[in-house]
């Protein structure tokens, strides 16, 4: 595998208002790391995944609902979401950037 230096802060493209972009940074063995760019999300999709997920906000702010409980995440805040817990993004700032690590 060829190693290539990359920087997650270089691509500052964000989707249209109310949308998200998902870019896979790394897939290896039992993990998948995604960079997520959210733009003014207002009540996003409900997920109920069969794998664990860890998320951290790098820029902006997000409000997540996990199993009926709301959590406000600011820069540096992170959460572990266990498999089979219903969750959704309730709201994000105009330019919210985060990492998600999916553990299979």
PDB file of N, CA and C in Angstrom:
ATOM      1  N   UNK A   1       0.841  -1.176   0.000  1.00  0.00           N
ATOM      2  CA  UNK A   1       0.000   0.000   0.000  1.00  0.00           C
ATOM      3  C   UNK A   1       0.890   1.245   0.000  1.00  0.00           C
ATOM      4  N   UNK A   2       0.669   2.109  -0.953  1.00  0.00           N
ATOM      5  CA  UNK A   2       1.457   3.334  -1.045  1.00  0.00           C
ATOM      6  C   UNK A   2       0.938   4.356  -0.025  1.00  0.00           C
ATOM      7  N   UNK A   3       1.841   4.875   0.768  1.00  0.00           N
ATOM      8  CA  UNK A   3       1.470   5.900   1.746  1.00  0.00           C
ATOM      9  C   UNK A   3       1.496   7.255   1.079  1.00  0.00           C
ATOM     10  N   UNK A   4       0.448   8.034   1.328  1.00  0.00           N
ATOM     11  CA  UNK A   4       0.349   9.360   0.747  1.00  0.00           C
ATOM     12  C   UNK A   4      -0.094  10.335   1.838  1.00  0.00           C
ATOM     13  N   UNK A   5       0.716  11.353   2.068  1.00  0.00           N
ATOM     14  CA  UNK A   5       0.380  12.356   3.067  1.00  0.00           C
ATOM     15  C   UNK A   5      -0.843  13.154   2.619  1.00  0.00           C
ATOM     16  N   UNK A   6      -1.811  13.273   3.501  1.00  0.00           N
ATOM     17  CA  UNK A   6      -3.019  14.034   3.205  1.00  0.00           C
ATOM     18  C   UNK A   6      -3.346  14.920   4.401  1.00  0.00           C
ATOM     19  N   UNK A   7      -4.221  15.894   4.193  1.00  0.00           N
ATOM     20  CA  UNK A   7      -4.603  16.823   5.250  1.00  0.00           C
ATOM     21  C   UNK A   7      -6.106  17.035   5.192  1.00  0.00           C
ATOM     22  N   UNK A   8      -6.804  16.694   6.279  1.00  0.00           N
ATOM     23  CA  UNK A   8      -8.266  16.790   6.279  1.00  0.00           C
ATOM     24  C   UNK A   8      -8.777  18.233   6.279  1.00  0.00           C
ATOM     25  N   UNK A   9      -7.921  19.195   6.583  1.00  0.00           N
ATOM     26  CA  UNK A   9      -8.351  20.584   6.623  1.00  0.00           C
ATOM     27  C   UNK A   9      -8.156  21.322   5.295  1.00  0.00           C
ATOM     28  N   UNK A  10      -7.485  20.694   4.323  1.00  0.00           N
ATOM     29  CA  UNK A  10      -7.224  21.369   3.048  1.00  0.00           C
ATOM     30  C   UNK A  10      -8.462  21.519   2.177  1.00  0.00           C
ATOM     31  N   UNK A  11      -9.292  20.484   2.091  1.00  0.00           N
ATOM     32  CA  UNK A  11     -10.498  20.552   1.274  1.00  0.00           C
ATOM     33  C   UNK A  11     -11.613  21.189   2.099  1.00  0.00           C
ATOM     34  N   UNK A  12     -11.889  22.432   1.837  1.00  0.00           N
ATOM     35  CA  UNK A  12     -12.900  23.157   2.611  1.00  0.00           C
ATOM     36  C   UNK A  12     -14.253  23.214   1.906  1.00  0.00           C
ATOM     37  N   UNK A  13     -14.451  22.340   0.916  1.00  0.00           N
ATOM     38  CA  UNK A  13     -15.742  22.310   0.229  1.00  0.00           C
ATOM     39  C   UNK A  13     -16.825  21.782   1.168  1.00  0.00           C
ATOM     40  N   UNK A  14     -17.926  22.482   1.227  1.00  0.00           N
ATOM     41  CA  UNK A  14     -19.052  22.042   2.019  1.00  0.00           C
ATOM     42  C   UNK A  14     -20.259  21.866   1.105  1.00  0.00           C
ATOM     43  N   UNK A  15     -21.172  20.995   1.467  1.00  0.00           N
ATOM     44  CA  UNK A  15     -22.349  20.769   0.627  1.00  0.00           C
ATOM     45  C   UNK A  15     -23.327  21.931   0.718  1.00  0.00           C
ATOM     46  N   UNK A  16     -24.385  21.846  -0.074  1.00  0.00           N
ATOM     47  CA  UNK A  16     -25.432  22.873  -0.021  1.00  0.00           C
ATOM     48  C   UNK A  16     -26.092  22.838   1.358  1.00  0.00           C
ATOM     49  N   UNK A  17     -26.775  23.895   1.697  1.00  0.00           N
ATOM     50  CA  UNK A  17     -27.447  24.011   2.998  1.00  0.00           C
ATOM     51  C   UNK A  17     -28.400  22.838   3.187  1.00  0.00           C
ATOM     52  N   UNK A  18     -28.333  22.244   4.371  1.00  0.00           N
ATOM     53  CA  UNK A  18     -29.195  21.123   4.718  1.00  0.00           C
ATOM     54  C   UNK A  18     -28.665  19.767   4.309  1.00  0.00           C
ATOM     55  N   UNK A  19     -27.421  19.719   3.823  1.00  0.00           N
ATOM     56  CA  UNK A  19     -26.875  18.462   3.316  1.00  0.00           C
ATOM     57  C   UNK A  19     -25.552  18.125   4.000  1.00  0.00           C
ATOM     58  N   UNK A  20     -25.059  16.909   3.730  1.00  0.00           N
ATOM     59  CA  UNK A  20     -23.786  16.450   4.269  1.00  0.00           C
ATOM     60  C   UNK A  20     -22.979  15.759   3.178  1.00  0.00           C
ATOM     61  N   UNK A  21     -21.652  15.816   3.314  1.00  0.00           N
ATOM     62  CA  UNK A  21     -20.732  15.074   2.464  1.00  0.00           C
ATOM     63  C   UNK A  21     -19.973  14.089   3.336  1.00  0.00           C
ATOM     64  N   UNK A  22     -19.833  12.851   2.868  1.00  0.00           N
ATOM     65  CA  UNK A  22     -19.115  11.799   3.583  1.00  0.00           C
ATOM     66  C   UNK A  22     -17.932  11.363   2.727  1.00  0.00           C
ATOM     67  N   UNK A  23     -16.721  11.511   3.248  1.00  0.00           N
ATOM     68  CA  UNK A  23     -15.512  11.076   2.547  1.00  0.00           C
ATOM     69  C   UNK A  23     -14.799  10.025   3.395  1.00  0.00           C
ATOM     70  N   UNK A  24     -14.586   8.857   2.819  1.00  0.00           N
ATOM     71  CA  UNK A  24     -13.846   7.814   3.523  1.00  0.00           C
ATOM     72  C   UNK A  24     -12.362   8.148   3.463  1.00  0.00           C
ATOM     73  N   UNK A  25     -11.758   8.269   4.625  1.00  0.00           N
ATOM     74  CA  UNK A  25     -10.331   8.567   4.726  1.00  0.00           C
ATOM     75  C   UNK A  25      -9.524   7.272   4.761  1.00  0.00           C
ATOM     76  N   UNK A  26     -10.060   6.271   5.475  1.00  0.00           N
ATOM     77  CA  UNK A  26      -9.330   5.016   5.635  1.00  0.00           C
ATOM     78  C   UNK A  26     -10.307   3.882   5.894  1.00  0.00           C
ATOM     79  N   UNK A  27     -10.080   2.764   5.227  1.00  0.00           N
ATOM     80  CA  UNK A  27     -10.762   1.512   5.536  1.00  0.00           C
ATOM     81  C   UNK A  27      -9.673   0.465   5.718  1.00  0.00           C
ATOM     82  N   UNK A  28      -9.668  -0.153   6.898  1.00  0.00           N
ATOM     83  CA  UNK A  28      -8.633  -1.146   7.185  1.00  0.00           C
ATOM     84  C   UNK A  28      -9.177  -2.128   8.219  1.00  0.00           C
ATOM     85  N   UNK A  29      -9.110  -3.401   7.866  1.00  0.00           N
ATOM     86  CA  UNK A  29      -9.585  -4.479   8.738  1.00  0.00           C
ATOM     87  C   UNK A  29     -10.990  -4.180   9.241  1.00  0.00           C
ATOM     88  N   UNK A  30     -11.149  -3.920  10.541  1.00  0.00           N
ATOM     89  CA  UNK A  30     -12.491  -3.738  11.087  1.00  0.00           C
ATOM     90  C   UNK A  30     -12.853  -2.274  11.373  1.00  0.00           C
ATOM     91  N   UNK A  31     -12.173  -1.324  10.707  1.00  0.00           N
ATOM     92  CA  UNK A  31     -12.529   0.079  10.921  1.00  0.00           C
ATOM     93  C   UNK A  31     -12.730   0.814   9.595  1.00  0.00           C
ATOM     94  N   UNK A  32     -13.519   1.837   9.673  1.00  0.00           N
ATOM     95  CA  UNK A  32     -13.709   2.772   8.552  1.00  0.00           C
ATOM     96  C   UNK A  32     -13.737   4.164   9.176  1.00  0.00           C
ATOM     97  N   UNK A  33     -12.873   5.055   8.671  1.00  0.00           N
ATOM     98  CA  UNK A  33     -12.813   6.428   9.175  1.00  0.00           C
ATOM     99  C   UNK A  33     -13.367   7.348   8.104  1.00  0.00           C
ATOM    100  N   UNK A  34     -14.362   8.148   8.486  1.00  0.00           N
ATOM    101  CA  UNK A  34     -14.996   9.076   7.561  1.00  0.00           C
ATOM    102  C   UNK A  34     -14.804  10.509   8.027  1.00  0.00           C
ATOM    103  N   UNK A  35     -14.602  11.394   7.070  1.00  0.00           N
ATOM    104  CA  UNK A  35     -14.648  12.826   7.315  1.00  0.00           C
ATOM    105  C   UNK A  35     -16.028  13.275   6.872  1.00  0.00           C
ATOM    106  N   UNK A  36     -16.739  13.945   7.742  1.00  0.00           N
ATOM    107  CA  UNK A  36     -18.108  14.382   7.433  1.00  0.00           C
ATOM    108  C   UNK A  36     -18.152  15.902   7.468  1.00  0.00           C
ATOM    109  N   UNK A  37     -18.686  16.479   6.400  1.00  0.00           N
ATOM    110  CA  UNK A  37     -18.903  17.926   6.324  1.00  0.00           C
ATOM    111  C   UNK A  37     -20.403  18.162   6.311  1.00  0.00           C
ATOM    112  N   UNK A  38     -20.898  18.864   7.325  1.00  0.00           N
ATOM    113  CA  UNK A  38     -22.328  19.139   7.453  1.00  0.00           C
ATOM    114  C   UNK A  38     -22.572  20.630   7.298  1.00  0.00           C
ATOM    115  N   UNK A  39     -23.669  20.974   6.627  1.00  0.00           N
ATOM    116  CA  UNK A  39     -24.003  22.375   6.397  1.00  0.00           C
ATOM    117  C   UNK A  39     -25.444  22.644   6.815  1.00  0.00           C
ATOM    118  N   UNK A  40     -25.592  23.198   7.999  1.00  0.00           N
ATOM    119  CA  UNK A  40     -26.903  23.621   8.503  1.00  0.00           C
ATOM    120  C   UNK A  40     -27.943  22.507   8.455  1.00  0.00           C
ATOM    121  N   UNK A  41     -27.589  21.350   8.993  1.00  0.00           N
ATOM    122  CA  UNK A  41     -28.530  20.236   9.062  1.00  0.00           C
ATOM    123  C   UNK A  41     -29.651  20.601  10.013  1.00  0.00           C
ATOM    124  N   UNK A  42     -30.860  20.243   9.645  1.00  0.00           N
ATOM    125  CA  UNK A  42     -32.025  20.473  10.486  1.00  0.00           C
ATOM    126  C   UNK A  42     -32.855  19.197  10.482  1.00  0.00           C
ATOM    127  N   UNK A  43     -32.605  18.339  11.458  1.00  0.00           N
ATOM    128  CA  UNK A  43     -33.312  17.074  11.636  1.00  0.00           C
ATOM    129  C   UNK A  43     -32.953  16.058  10.555  1.00  0.00           C
ATOM    130  N   UNK A  44     -31.803  15.448  10.720  1.00  0.00           N
ATOM    131  CA  UNK A  44     -31.270  14.509   9.740  1.00  0.00           C
ATOM    132  C   UNK A  44     -31.856  13.109   9.815  1.00  0.00           C
ATOM    133  N   UNK A  45     -31.255  12.231   9.043  1.00  0.00           N
ATOM    134  CA  UNK A  45     -31.684  10.842   8.898  1.00  0.00           C
ATOM    135  C   UNK A  45     -31.486  10.055  10.187  1.00  0.00           C
ATOM    136  N   UNK A  46     -32.429   9.178  10.502  1.00  0.00           N
ATOM    137  CA  UNK A  46     -32.315   8.291  11.659  1.00  0.00           C
ATOM    138  C   UNK A  46     -31.492   7.069  11.256  1.00  0.00           C
ATOM    139  N   UNK A  47     -30.453   6.761  12.041  1.00  0.00           N
ATOM    140  CA  UNK A  47     -29.597   5.597  11.796  1.00  0.00           C
ATOM    141  C   UNK A  47     -29.775   4.601  12.931  1.00  0.00           C
ATOM    142  N   UNK A  48     -29.689   3.331  12.598  1.00  0.00           N
ATOM    143  CA  UNK A  48     -29.666   2.259  13.593  1.00  0.00           C
ATOM    144  C   UNK A  48     -28.709   1.210  13.044  1.00  0.00           C
ATOM    145  N   UNK A  49     -27.428   1.399  13.312  1.00  0.00           N
ATOM    146  CA  UNK A  49     -26.366   0.615  12.690  1.00  0.00           C
ATOM    147  C   UNK A  49     -26.047  -0.641  13.491  1.00  0.00           C
ATOM    148  N   UNK A  50     -25.554  -1.650  12.792  1.00  0.00           N
ATOM    149  CA  UNK A  50     -25.191  -2.911  13.445  1.00  0.00           C
ATOM    150  C   UNK A  50     -23.741  -2.917  13.931  1.00  0.00           C
ATOM    151  N   UNK A  51     -23.091  -1.754  13.873  1.00  0.00           N
ATOM    152  CA  UNK A  51     -21.706  -1.640  14.334  1.00  0.00           C
ATOM    153  C   UNK A  51     -21.561  -0.422  15.252  1.00  0.00           C
ATOM    154  N   UNK A  52     -20.476  -0.401  16.030  1.00  0.00           N
ATOM    155  CA  UNK A  52     -20.180   0.730  16.908  1.00  0.00           C
ATOM    156  C   UNK A  52     -19.628   1.893  16.088  1.00  0.00           C
ATOM    157  N   UNK A  53     -19.774   3.108  16.647  1.00  0.00           N
ATOM    158  CA  UNK A  53     -19.260   4.303  15.978  1.00  0.00           C
ATOM    159  C   UNK A  53     -18.787   5.305  17.030  1.00  0.00           C
ATOM    160  N   UNK A  54     -17.664   5.954  16.733  1.00  0.00           N
ATOM    161  CA  UNK A  54     -17.146   7.025  17.578  1.00  0.00           C
ATOM    162  C   UNK A  54     -17.074   8.267  16.714  1.00  0.00           C
ATOM    163  N   UNK A  55     -17.584   9.410  17.225  1.00  0.00           N
ATOM    164  CA  UNK A  55     -17.567  10.664  16.464  1.00  0.00           C
ATOM    165  C   UNK A  55     -16.922  11.769  17.290  1.00  0.00           C
ATOM    166  N   UNK A  56     -16.223  12.691  16.591  1.00  0.00           N
ATOM    167  CA  UNK A  56     -15.625  13.858  17.232  1.00  0.00           C
ATOM    168  C   UNK A  56     -15.844  15.067  16.321  1.00  0.00           C
ATOM    169  N   UNK A  57     -16.216  16.193  16.921  1.00  0.00           N
ATOM    170  CA  UNK A  57     -16.408  17.436  16.167  1.00  0.00           C
ATOM    171  C   UNK A  57     -15.070  18.169  16.096  1.00  0.00           C
ATOM    172  N   UNK A  58     -14.639  18.494  14.863  1.00  0.00           N
ATOM    173  CA  UNK A  58     -13.374  19.202  14.645  1.00  0.00           C
ATOM    174  C   UNK A  58     -13.587  20.700  14.448  1.00  0.00           C
ATOM    175  N   UNK A  59     -14.710  21.071  13.851  1.00  0.00           N
ATOM    176  CA  UNK A  59     -15.088  22.477  13.638  1.00  0.00           C
ATOM    177  C   UNK A  59     -16.603  22.573  13.751  1.00  0.00           C
ATOM    178  N   UNK A  60     -17.083  23.705  14.252  1.00  0.00           N
ATOM    179  CA  UNK A  60     -18.526  23.922  14.313  1.00  0.00           C
ATOM    180  C   UNK A  60     -19.161  23.332  15.559  1.00  0.00           C
ATOM    181  N   UNK A  61     -20.451  23.046  15.433  1.00  0.00           N
ATOM    182  CA  UNK A  61     -21.235  22.508  16.540  1.00  0.00           C
ATOM    183  C   UNK A  61     -22.328  21.625  15.977  1.00  0.00           C
ATOM    184  N   UNK A  62     -22.677  20.579  16.723  1.00  0.00           N
ATOM    185  CA  UNK A  62     -23.728  19.660  16.290  1.00  0.00           C
ATOM    186  C   UNK A  62     -24.560  19.232  17.485  1.00  0.00           C
ATOM    187  N   UNK A  63     -25.823  18.967  17.219  1.00  0.00           N
ATOM    188  CA  UNK A  63     -26.704  18.389  18.230  1.00  0.00           C
ATOM    189  C   UNK A  63     -27.117  17.016  17.710  1.00  0.00           C
ATOM    190  N   UNK A  64     -26.791  15.980  18.499  1.00  0.00           N
ATOM    191  CA  UNK A  64     -27.157  14.616  18.151  1.00  0.00           C
ATOM    192  C   UNK A  64     -28.232  14.121  19.100  1.00  0.00           C
ATOM    193  N   UNK A  65     -29.087  13.268  18.579  1.00  0.00           N
ATOM    194  CA  UNK A  65     -30.053  12.559  19.417  1.00  0.00           C
ATOM    195  C   UNK A  65     -29.668  11.092  19.374  1.00  0.00           C
ATOM    196  N   UNK A  66     -29.381  10.530  20.542  1.00  0.00           N
ATOM    197  CA  UNK A  66     -28.995   9.127  20.640  1.00  0.00           C
ATOM    198  C   UNK A  66     -29.958   8.430  21.585  1.00  0.00           C
ATOM    199  N   UNK A  67     -30.707   7.491  21.037  1.00  0.00           N
ATOM    200  CA  UNK A  67     -31.682   6.732  21.816  1.00  0.00           C
ATOM    201  C   UNK A  67     -32.612   7.663  22.606  1.00  0.00           C
ATOM    202  N   UNK A  68     -33.010   8.760  21.957  1.00  0.00           N
ATOM    203  CA  UNK A  68     -33.966   9.692  22.559  1.00  0.00           C
ATOM    204  C   UNK A  68     -33.353  10.794  23.409  1.00  0.00           C
ATOM    205  N   UNK A  69     -32.044  10.792  23.633  1.00  0.00           N
ATOM    206  CA  UNK A  69     -31.382  11.812  24.447  1.00  0.00           C
ATOM    207  C   UNK A  69     -30.580  12.743  23.545  1.00  0.00           C
ATOM    208  N   UNK A  70     -30.737  14.059  23.736  1.00  0.00           N
ATOM    209  CA  UNK A  70     -30.002  15.043  22.938  1.00  0.00           C
ATOM    210  C   UNK A  70     -28.649  15.352  23.566  1.00  0.00           C
ATOM    211  N   UNK A  71     -27.630  15.494  22.695  1.00  0.00           N
ATOM    212  CA  UNK A  71     -26.271  15.822  23.111  1.00  0.00           C
ATOM    213  C   UNK A  71     -25.765  16.947  22.214  1.00  0.00           C
ATOM    214  N   UNK A  72     -25.280  18.037  22.810  1.00  0.00           N
ATOM    215  CA  UNK A  72     -24.665  19.123  22.054  1.00  0.00           C
ATOM    216  C   UNK A  72     -23.161  18.907  22.056  1.00  0.00           C
ATOM    217  N   UNK A  73     -22.590  18.843  20.852  1.00  0.00           N
ATOM    218  CA  UNK A  73     -21.150  18.639  20.700  1.00  0.00           C
ATOM    219  C   UNK A  73     -20.515  19.896  20.140  1.00  0.00           C
ATOM    220  N   UNK A  74     -19.524  20.414  20.848  1.00  0.00           N
ATOM    221  CA  UNK A  74     -18.722  21.545  20.399  1.00  0.00           C
ATOM    222  C   UNK A  74     -17.364  21.018  19.942  1.00  0.00           C
ATOM    223  N   UNK A  75     -16.500  21.901  19.470  1.00  0.00           N
ATOM    224  CA  UNK A  75     -15.182  21.502  18.992  1.00  0.00           C
ATOM    225  C   UNK A  75     -14.458  20.682  20.060  1.00  0.00           C
ATOM    226  N   UNK A  76     -13.998  19.497  19.659  1.00  0.00           N
ATOM    227  CA  UNK A  76     -13.274  18.612  20.564  1.00  0.00           C
ATOM    228  C   UNK A  76     -14.148  17.605  21.288  1.00  0.00           C
ATOM    229  N   UNK A  77     -15.447  17.833  21.318  1.00  0.00           N
ATOM    230  CA  UNK A  77     -16.339  16.890  21.996  1.00  0.00           C
ATOM    231  C   UNK A  77     -16.494  15.626  21.159  1.00  0.00           C
ATOM    232  N   UNK A  78     -16.565  14.488  21.850  1.00  0.00           N
ATOM    233  CA  UNK A  78     -16.726  13.223  21.145  1.00  0.00           C
ATOM    234  C   UNK A  78     -17.663  12.301  21.909  1.00  0.00           C
ATOM    235  N   UNK A  79     -18.249  11.366  21.160  1.00  0.00           N
ATOM    236  CA  UNK A  79     -19.189  10.391  21.726  1.00  0.00           C
ATOM    237  C   UNK A  79     -18.947   9.018  21.121  1.00  0.00           C
ATOM    238  N   UNK A  80     -19.214   7.997  21.909  1.00  0.00           N
ATOM    239  CA  UNK A  80     -19.207   6.619  21.427  1.00  0.00           C
ATOM    240  C   UNK A  80     -20.653   6.179  21.296  1.00  0.00           C
ATOM    241  N   UNK A  81     -21.018   5.695  20.127  1.00  0.00           N
ATOM    242  CA  UNK A  81     -22.391   5.248  19.868  1.00  0.00           C
ATOM    243  C   UNK A  81     -22.347   3.735  19.673  1.00  0.00           C
ATOM    244  N   UNK A  82     -22.936   3.012  20.610  1.00  0.00           N
ATOM    245  CA  UNK A  82     -22.935   1.557  20.525  1.00  0.00           C
ATOM    246  C   UNK A  82     -23.816   1.083  19.378  1.00  0.00           C
ATOM    247  N   UNK A  83     -23.508  -0.104  18.885  1.00  0.00           N
ATOM    248  CA  UNK A  83     -24.314  -0.714  17.828  1.00  0.00           C
ATOM    249  C   UNK A  83     -25.775  -0.809  18.266  1.00  0.00           C
ATOM    250  N   UNK A  84     -26.661  -0.684  17.303  1.00  0.00           N
ATOM    251  CA  UNK A  84     -28.107  -0.843  17.485  1.00  0.00           C
ATOM    252  C   UNK A  84     -28.765   0.237  18.345  1.00  0.00           C
ATOM    253  N   UNK A  85     -28.079   1.377  18.544  1.00  0.00           N
ATOM    254  CA  UNK A  85     -28.707   2.512  19.222  1.00  0.00           C
ATOM    255  C   UNK A  85     -29.195   3.487  18.157  1.00  0.00           C
ATOM    256  N   UNK A  86     -30.484   3.758  18.107  1.00  0.00           N
ATOM    257  CA  UNK A  86     -30.983   4.725  17.125  1.00  0.00           C
ATOM    258  C   UNK A  86     -30.377   6.107  17.391  1.00  0.00           C
ATOM    259  N   UNK A  87     -29.908   6.754  16.324  1.00  0.00           N
ATOM    260  CA  UNK A  87     -29.320   8.088  16.484  1.00  0.00           C
ATOM    261  C   UNK A  87     -29.497   8.900  15.207  1.00  0.00           C
ATOM    262  N   UNK A  88     -29.464  10.221  15.392  1.00  0.00           N
ATOM    263  CA  UNK A  88     -29.588  11.144  14.262  1.00  0.00           C
ATOM    264  C   UNK A  88     -28.943  12.471  14.611  1.00  0.00           C
ATOM    265  N   UNK A  89     -28.570  13.202  13.567  1.00  0.00           N
ATOM    266  CA  UNK A  89     -28.105  14.570  13.727  1.00  0.00           C
ATOM    267  C   UNK A  89     -29.358  15.445  13.733  1.00  0.00           C
ATOM    268  N   UNK A  90     -29.568  16.153  14.821  1.00  0.00           N
ATOM    269  CA  UNK A  90     -30.735  17.036  14.929  1.00  0.00           C
ATOM    270  C   UNK A  90     -30.449  18.370  14.251  1.00  0.00           C
ATOM    271  N   UNK A  91     -29.201  18.863  14.444  1.00  0.00           N
ATOM    272  CA  UNK A  91     -28.869  20.201  13.948  1.00  0.00           C
ATOM    273  C   UNK A  91     -27.351  20.352  13.900  1.00  0.00           C
ATOM    274  N   UNK A  92     -26.864  21.116  12.903  1.00  0.00           N
ATOM    275  CA  UNK A  92     -25.449  21.486  12.884  1.00  0.00           C
ATOM    276  C   UNK A  92     -25.317  22.955  12.508  1.00  0.00           C
ATOM    277  N   UNK A  93     -24.149  23.502  12.812  1.00  0.00           N
ATOM    278  CA  UNK A  93     -23.801  24.837  12.332  1.00  0.00           C
ATOM    279  C   UNK A  93     -23.674  24.796  10.816  1.00  0.00           C
ATOM    280  N   UNK A  94     -23.472  25.975  10.253  1.00  0.00           N
ATOM    281  CA  UNK A  94     -23.331  26.098   8.804  1.00  0.00           C
ATOM    282  C   UNK A  94     -22.164  25.275   8.274  1.00  0.00           C
ATOM    283  N   UNK A  95     -21.069  25.243   8.987  1.00  0.00           N
ATOM    284  CA  UNK A  95     -19.881  24.499   8.521  1.00  0.00           C
ATOM    285  C   UNK A  95     -19.345  23.652   9.671  1.00  0.00           C
ATOM    286  N   UNK A  96     -19.914  22.465   9.812  1.00  0.00           N
ATOM    287  CA  UNK A  96     -19.476  21.553  10.859  1.00  0.00           C
ATOM    288  C   UNK A  96     -18.660  20.434  10.222  1.00  0.00           C
ATOM    289  N   UNK A  97     -17.490  20.191  10.807  1.00  0.00           N
ATOM    290  CA  UNK A  97     -16.569  19.177  10.298  1.00  0.00           C
ATOM    291  C   UNK A  97     -16.321  18.179  11.413  1.00  0.00           C
ATOM    292  N   UNK A  98     -16.467  16.899  11.089  1.00  0.00           N
ATOM    293  CA  UNK A  98     -16.215  15.887  12.098  1.00  0.00           C
ATOM    294  C   UNK A  98     -15.667  14.614  11.517  1.00  0.00           C
ATOM    295  N   UNK A  99     -15.110  13.792  12.415  1.00  0.00           N
ATOM    296  CA  UNK A  99     -14.633  12.465  12.061  1.00  0.00           C
ATOM    297  C   UNK A  99     -15.557  11.431  12.690  1.00  0.00           C
ATOM    298  N   UNK A 100     -15.802  10.375  11.931  1.00  0.00           N
ATOM    299  CA  UNK A 100     -16.548   9.228  12.444  1.00  0.00           C
ATOM    300  C   UNK A 100     -15.679   7.995  12.236  1.00  0.00           C
ATOM    301  N   UNK A 101     -15.540   7.215  13.280  1.00  0.00           N
ATOM    302  CA  UNK A 101     -14.818   5.954  13.178  1.00  0.00           C
ATOM    303  C   UNK A 101     -15.833   4.834  13.406  1.00  0.00           C
ATOM    304  N   UNK A 102     -16.029   4.034  12.369  1.00  0.00           N
ATOM    305  CA  UNK A 102     -16.955   2.901  12.430  1.00  0.00           C
ATOM    306  C   UNK A 102     -16.150   1.656  12.758  1.00  0.00           C
ATOM    307  N   UNK A 103     -16.614   0.904  13.759  1.00  0.00           N
ATOM    308  CA  UNK A 103     -15.894  -0.266  14.229  1.00  0.00           C
ATOM    309  C   UNK A 103     -16.782  -1.498  13.992  1.00  0.00           C
ATOM    310  N   UNK A 104     -16.325  -2.363  13.108  1.00  0.00           N
ATOM    311  CA  UNK A 104     -17.109  -3.546  12.698  1.00  0.00           C
ATOM    312  C   UNK A 104     -16.677  -4.794  13.438  1.00  0.00           C
TER     313      UNK A 104
END
